Amino acid sequence: MPITEWPAAERPREKLLLQGAATLSDAELLAIFLRTGVKGKSAVDLARDLLLEFGSLSALLQSDQKCFCSANGLGVAKYAQLQAVLEMGRRYLTSVLEKGSALESPQQVKALLASQLRHYNREVFACLFLDNKHRVIQYENLFWGTINAAAVYPREIVSRALHHNAGAVVLAHNHPSGVAEPSDADEQITLKLQKALALVDVRVIDHMVVGDGEVFSFAEQGVL
């Protein structure tokens, strides 16, 4: 059955307009991007097939041109369109990092940090330095590691916080494995950094672990 014959509340575009984009599944969001299906398949059916073929939405979005264009229902025009959409998203989120921008919600910070860290294939530890009113001073990638670890030096983070005259920081790092669940080592370094920064009156607001499609917040889970 074509999507036009579905109940209005079940059509991806109408559902987005009525309930918001966050309520849509990966397949529904992709279907809106695709706009049309192929012979014998609706855009939603095609989207589901593509997600199965690539393994996940993020894998599809990060695929190279050759791989993307070889999939059924896709091509050069769709690839160019996707790259434009992704770049607009990156530029929008990066604009939040401009000095003086105020952070409005944990969800905004999660999206921001995910845009900066999720694409790395090795672990990167970063800090978002803020003033006392939680306005952005500077975002910095500080430590680079192997595929599953990064050496973090508290002295360097304290030094950078003092350099920026920061009143607070958000710590962040990625897990190239895609699993955002923090390790025991992540918890230990968080507490260690919290104590070190407290000595210079800098608060650790949160530590966020960026995985594939999810971000773990220490503050939301009561670890901080």
Protein backbone atom coordinates (compact mmCIF):
# COMPACT_ATOMS: atom_id res chain seq x y z
CA MET A 1 0.00 0.00 0.00
CA PRO A 2 1.45 3.42 -0.94
CA ILE A 3 2.14 5.85 1.90
CA THR A 4 -0.51 8.25 0.57
CA GLU A 5 -3.14 5.65 1.50
CA TRP A 6 -1.91 5.24 5.07
CA PRO A 7 -3.78 6.89 7.96
CA ALA A 8 -2.53 10.48 8.25
CA ALA A 9 -1.11 9.93 11.76
CA GLU A 10 1.11 7.10 10.44
CA ARG A 11 2.60 8.92 7.47
CA PRO A 12 6.16 10.01 8.34
CA ARG A 13 5.82 13.61 7.13
CA GLU A 14 2.48 14.21 8.80
CA LYS A 15 3.67 12.47 11.97
CA LEU A 16 6.70 14.76 12.09
CA LEU A 17 4.57 17.87 11.72
CA LEU A 18 2.07 16.75 14.36
CA GLN A 19 4.35 15.12 16.93
CA GLY A 20 7.86 16.38 16.20
CA ALA A 21 10.88 14.81 14.52
CA ALA A 22 12.06 13.10 17.71
CA THR A 23 9.03 10.77 17.63
CA LEU A 24 10.02 9.25 14.29
CA SER A 25 11.96 6.03 13.89
CA ASP A 26 15.20 5.91 11.89
CA ALA A 27 13.28 4.37 8.98
CA GLU A 28 10.65 7.10 9.05
CA LEU A 29 13.25 9.88 9.11
CA LEU A 30 15.14 8.26 6.24
CA ALA A 31 11.90 7.84 4.29
CA ILE A 32 11.28 11.58 4.46
CA PHE A 33 14.78 12.18 3.11
CA LEU A 34 14.25 9.64 0.30
CA ARG A 35 10.82 11.12 -0.56
CA THR A 36 9.94 8.23 -2.90
CA GLY A 37 10.37 4.51 -2.91
CA VAL A 38 11.14 2.13 -5.76
CA LYS A 39 8.92 -0.20 -7.75
CA GLY A 40 6.98 -2.37 -5.34
CA LYS A 41 8.25 -0.61 -2.24
CA SER A 42 7.20 2.53 -0.40
CA ALA A 43 9.78 5.01 0.84
CA VAL A 44 9.45 3.49 4.34
CA ASP A 45 9.97 -0.04 3.00
CA LEU A 46 13.03 1.12 1.08
CA ALA A 47 14.35 2.91 4.16
CA ARG A 48 14.02 -0.26 6.24
CA ASP A 49 15.86 -2.27 3.58
CA LEU A 50 18.67 0.30 3.49
CA LEU A 51 19.04 0.27 7.28
CA LEU A 52 19.33 -3.51 7.21
CA GLU A 53 21.84 -3.36 4.36
CA PHE A 54 24.08 -0.76 6.00
CA GLY A 55 23.53 -1.96 9.56
CA SER A 56 22.47 1.37 11.07
CA LEU A 57 21.48 4.90 10.20
CA SER A 58 24.87 6.26 11.22
CA ALA A 59 26.67 3.72 9.00
CA LEU A 60 24.55 4.81 6.05
CA LEU A 61 25.16 8.50 6.72
CA GLN A 62 28.92 7.94 7.04
CA SER A 63 29.29 5.71 3.98
CA ASP A 64 31.46 6.90 1.10
CA GLN A 65 30.02 7.93 -2.25
CA LYS A 66 30.70 4.62 -4.01
CA CYS A 67 29.06 2.52 -1.30
CA PHE A 68 26.13 4.91 -0.89
CA CYS A 69 25.37 5.20 -4.59
CA SER A 70 25.53 1.45 -5.17
CA ALA A 71 22.51 0.85 -2.91
CA ASN A 72 19.04 0.40 -4.37
CA GLY A 73 17.11 3.67 -4.62
CA LEU A 74 20.13 5.89 -4.03
CA GLY A 75 22.47 7.72 -6.38
CA VAL A 76 24.70 10.72 -6.90
CA ALA A 77 21.90 13.27 -6.47
CA LYS A 78 20.81 11.73 -3.17
CA TYR A 79 24.44 11.57 -2.02
CA ALA A 80 24.98 15.26 -2.75
CA GLN A 81 21.72 16.11 -0.99
CA LEU A 82 22.75 14.08 2.05
CA GLN A 83 26.17 15.74 2.28
CA ALA A 84 24.52 19.16 2.17
CA VAL A 85 22.10 18.19 4.96
CA LEU A 86 24.91 16.80 7.12
CA GLU A 87 27.06 19.88 6.62
CA MET A 88 24.18 22.19 7.54
CA GLY A 89 23.69 20.19 10.72
CA ARG A 90 27.38 20.39 11.57
CA ARG A 91 27.49 24.14 10.97
CA TYR A 92 24.38 24.70 13.07
CA LEU A 93 25.77 22.74 15.99
CA THR A 94 29.24 24.26 15.65
CA SER A 95 27.71 27.74 15.88
CA VAL A 96 26.82 26.90 19.48
CA LEU A 97 30.55 26.68 20.20
CA GLU A 98 31.04 30.34 19.41
CA LYS A 99 32.35 32.28 22.38
CA GLY A 100 29.56 33.71 24.52
CA SER A 101 26.88 31.23 23.41
CA ALA A 102 24.77 30.03 26.32
CA LEU A 103 24.07 26.32 26.71
CA GLU A 104 20.34 25.87 27.11
CA SER A 105 19.80 22.16 27.84
CA PRO A 106 21.57 18.81 28.31
CA GLN A 107 20.06 17.64 25.02
CA GLN A 108 21.70 20.54 23.20
CA VAL A 109 25.07 19.72 24.76
CA LYS A 110 24.68 16.03 23.84
CA ALA A 111 23.96 16.89 20.21
CA LEU A 112 26.84 19.34 20.14
CA LEU A 113 29.39 16.90 21.56
CA ALA A 114 28.14 14.03 19.39
CA SER A 115 28.64 16.19 16.30
CA GLN A 116 32.23 16.82 17.35
CA LEU A 117 33.27 13.35 18.53
CA ARG A 118 31.19 10.52 17.11
CA HIS A 119 33.02 10.26 13.75
CA TYR A 120 36.50 9.56 15.18
CA ASN A 121 37.77 5.98 14.90
CA ARG A 122 39.99 6.41 17.95
CA GLU A 123 39.23 7.73 21.42
CA VAL A 124 39.37 11.49 21.86
CA PHE A 125 39.02 13.30 25.19
CA ALA A 126 37.68 16.83 25.01
CA CYS A 127 36.66 19.70 27.28
CA LEU A 128 34.03 22.35 26.85
CA PHE A 129 35.17 25.33 28.93
CA LEU A 130 32.41 27.59 30.29
CA ASP A 131 32.12 30.72 32.37
CA ASN A 132 30.10 30.89 35.59
CA LYS A 133 26.90 31.52 33.62
CA HIS A 134 27.50 28.43 31.48
CA ARG A 135 28.38 30.46 28.40
CA VAL A 136 30.86 28.88 26.04
CA ILE A 137 34.46 30.03 26.29
CA GLN A 138 36.18 27.35 24.21
CA TYR A 139 35.86 23.74 23.06
CA GLU A 140 39.10 21.76 22.81
CA ASN A 141 40.11 18.22 21.88
CA LEU A 142 42.88 17.59 24.42
CA PHE A 143 43.95 13.95 24.32
CA TRP A 144 44.06 11.41 21.50
CA GLY A 145 44.32 7.69 22.03
CA THR A 146 44.11 4.28 20.45
CA ILE A 147 40.89 2.65 19.32
CA ASN A 148 39.78 2.08 22.92
CA ALA A 149 41.76 4.36 25.22
CA ALA A 150 43.14 7.85 25.67
CA ALA A 151 45.61 8.91 28.34
CA VAL A 152 44.13 11.84 30.27
CA TYR A 153 46.34 14.17 32.32
CA PRO A 154 44.54 16.19 35.04
CA ARG A 155 47.34 18.74 35.23
CA GLU A 156 46.84 19.67 31.56
CA ILE A 157 43.08 20.08 31.98
CA VAL A 158 43.57 22.26 35.07
CA SER A 159 46.10 24.33 33.13
CA ARG A 160 43.72 24.83 30.21
CA ALA A 161 40.85 25.74 32.56
CA LEU A 162 43.01 28.39 34.23
CA HIS A 163 44.20 29.63 30.83
CA HIS A 164 40.58 30.22 29.78
CA ASN A 165 39.59 31.55 33.22
CA ALA A 166 36.80 28.99 33.17
CA GLY A 167 34.28 28.64 35.95
CA ALA A 168 33.00 25.27 34.81
CA VAL A 169 33.72 22.49 32.34
CA VAL A 170 31.91 19.69 30.56
CA LEU A 171 34.18 16.70 30.03
CA ALA A 172 33.58 14.48 27.02
CA HIS A 173 35.06 11.57 25.15
CA ASN A 174 33.96 9.11 22.51
CA HIS A 175 33.83 5.32 22.44
CA PRO A 176 34.77 4.17 18.92
CA SER A 177 33.10 0.83 19.69
CA GLY A 178 29.79 2.70 19.54
CA VAL A 179 28.75 1.68 23.08
CA ALA A 180 28.29 4.76 25.25
CA GLU A 181 28.25 2.91 28.58
CA PRO A 182 31.20 4.24 30.68
CA SER A 183 33.92 1.94 31.95
CA ASP A 184 35.26 1.78 35.50
CA ALA A 185 38.27 3.75 34.25
CA ASP A 186 35.93 6.45 32.91
CA GLU A 187 34.31 6.80 36.32
CA GLN A 188 37.67 6.92 38.08
CA ILE A 189 39.13 9.63 35.85
CA THR A 190 35.91 11.65 36.19
CA LEU A 191 36.18 11.71 39.99
CA LYS A 192 39.91 12.42 39.77
CA LEU A 193 39.34 15.39 37.45
CA GLN A 194 36.46 16.64 39.58
CA LYS A 195 38.75 16.76 42.63
CA ALA A 196 41.63 18.35 40.72
CA LEU A 197 39.46 21.08 39.19
CA ALA A 198 37.73 21.78 42.50
CA LEU A 199 41.09 22.88 43.89
CA VAL A 200 41.03 25.82 41.46
CA ASP A 201 37.28 26.49 41.89
CA VAL A 202 36.25 25.02 38.54
CA ARG A 203 33.09 22.90 38.59
CA VAL A 204 32.66 19.75 36.52
CA ILE A 205 29.08 20.04 35.29
CA ASP A 206 29.03 16.75 33.43
CA HIS A 207 31.06 14.09 31.69
CA MET A 208 29.47 12.82 28.50
CA VAL A 209 30.44 9.63 26.70
CA VAL A 210 29.61 9.68 22.99
CA GLY A 211 28.68 6.39 21.38
CA ASP A 212 26.99 5.50 18.12
CA GLY A 213 23.61 7.22 18.27
CA GLU A 214 23.60 7.73 22.03
CA VAL A 215 25.36 9.86 24.61
CA PHE A 216 25.77 8.84 28.27
CA SER A 217 25.59 11.69 30.79
CA PHE A 218 27.28 11.17 34.17
CA ALA A 219 25.19 13.97 35.66
CA GLU A 220 21.88 12.52 34.46
CA GLN A 221 22.81 9.11 35.91
CA GLY A 222 23.76 10.61 39.27
CA VAL A 223 27.46 9.73 39.01
CA LEU A 224 28.45 13.39 39.47
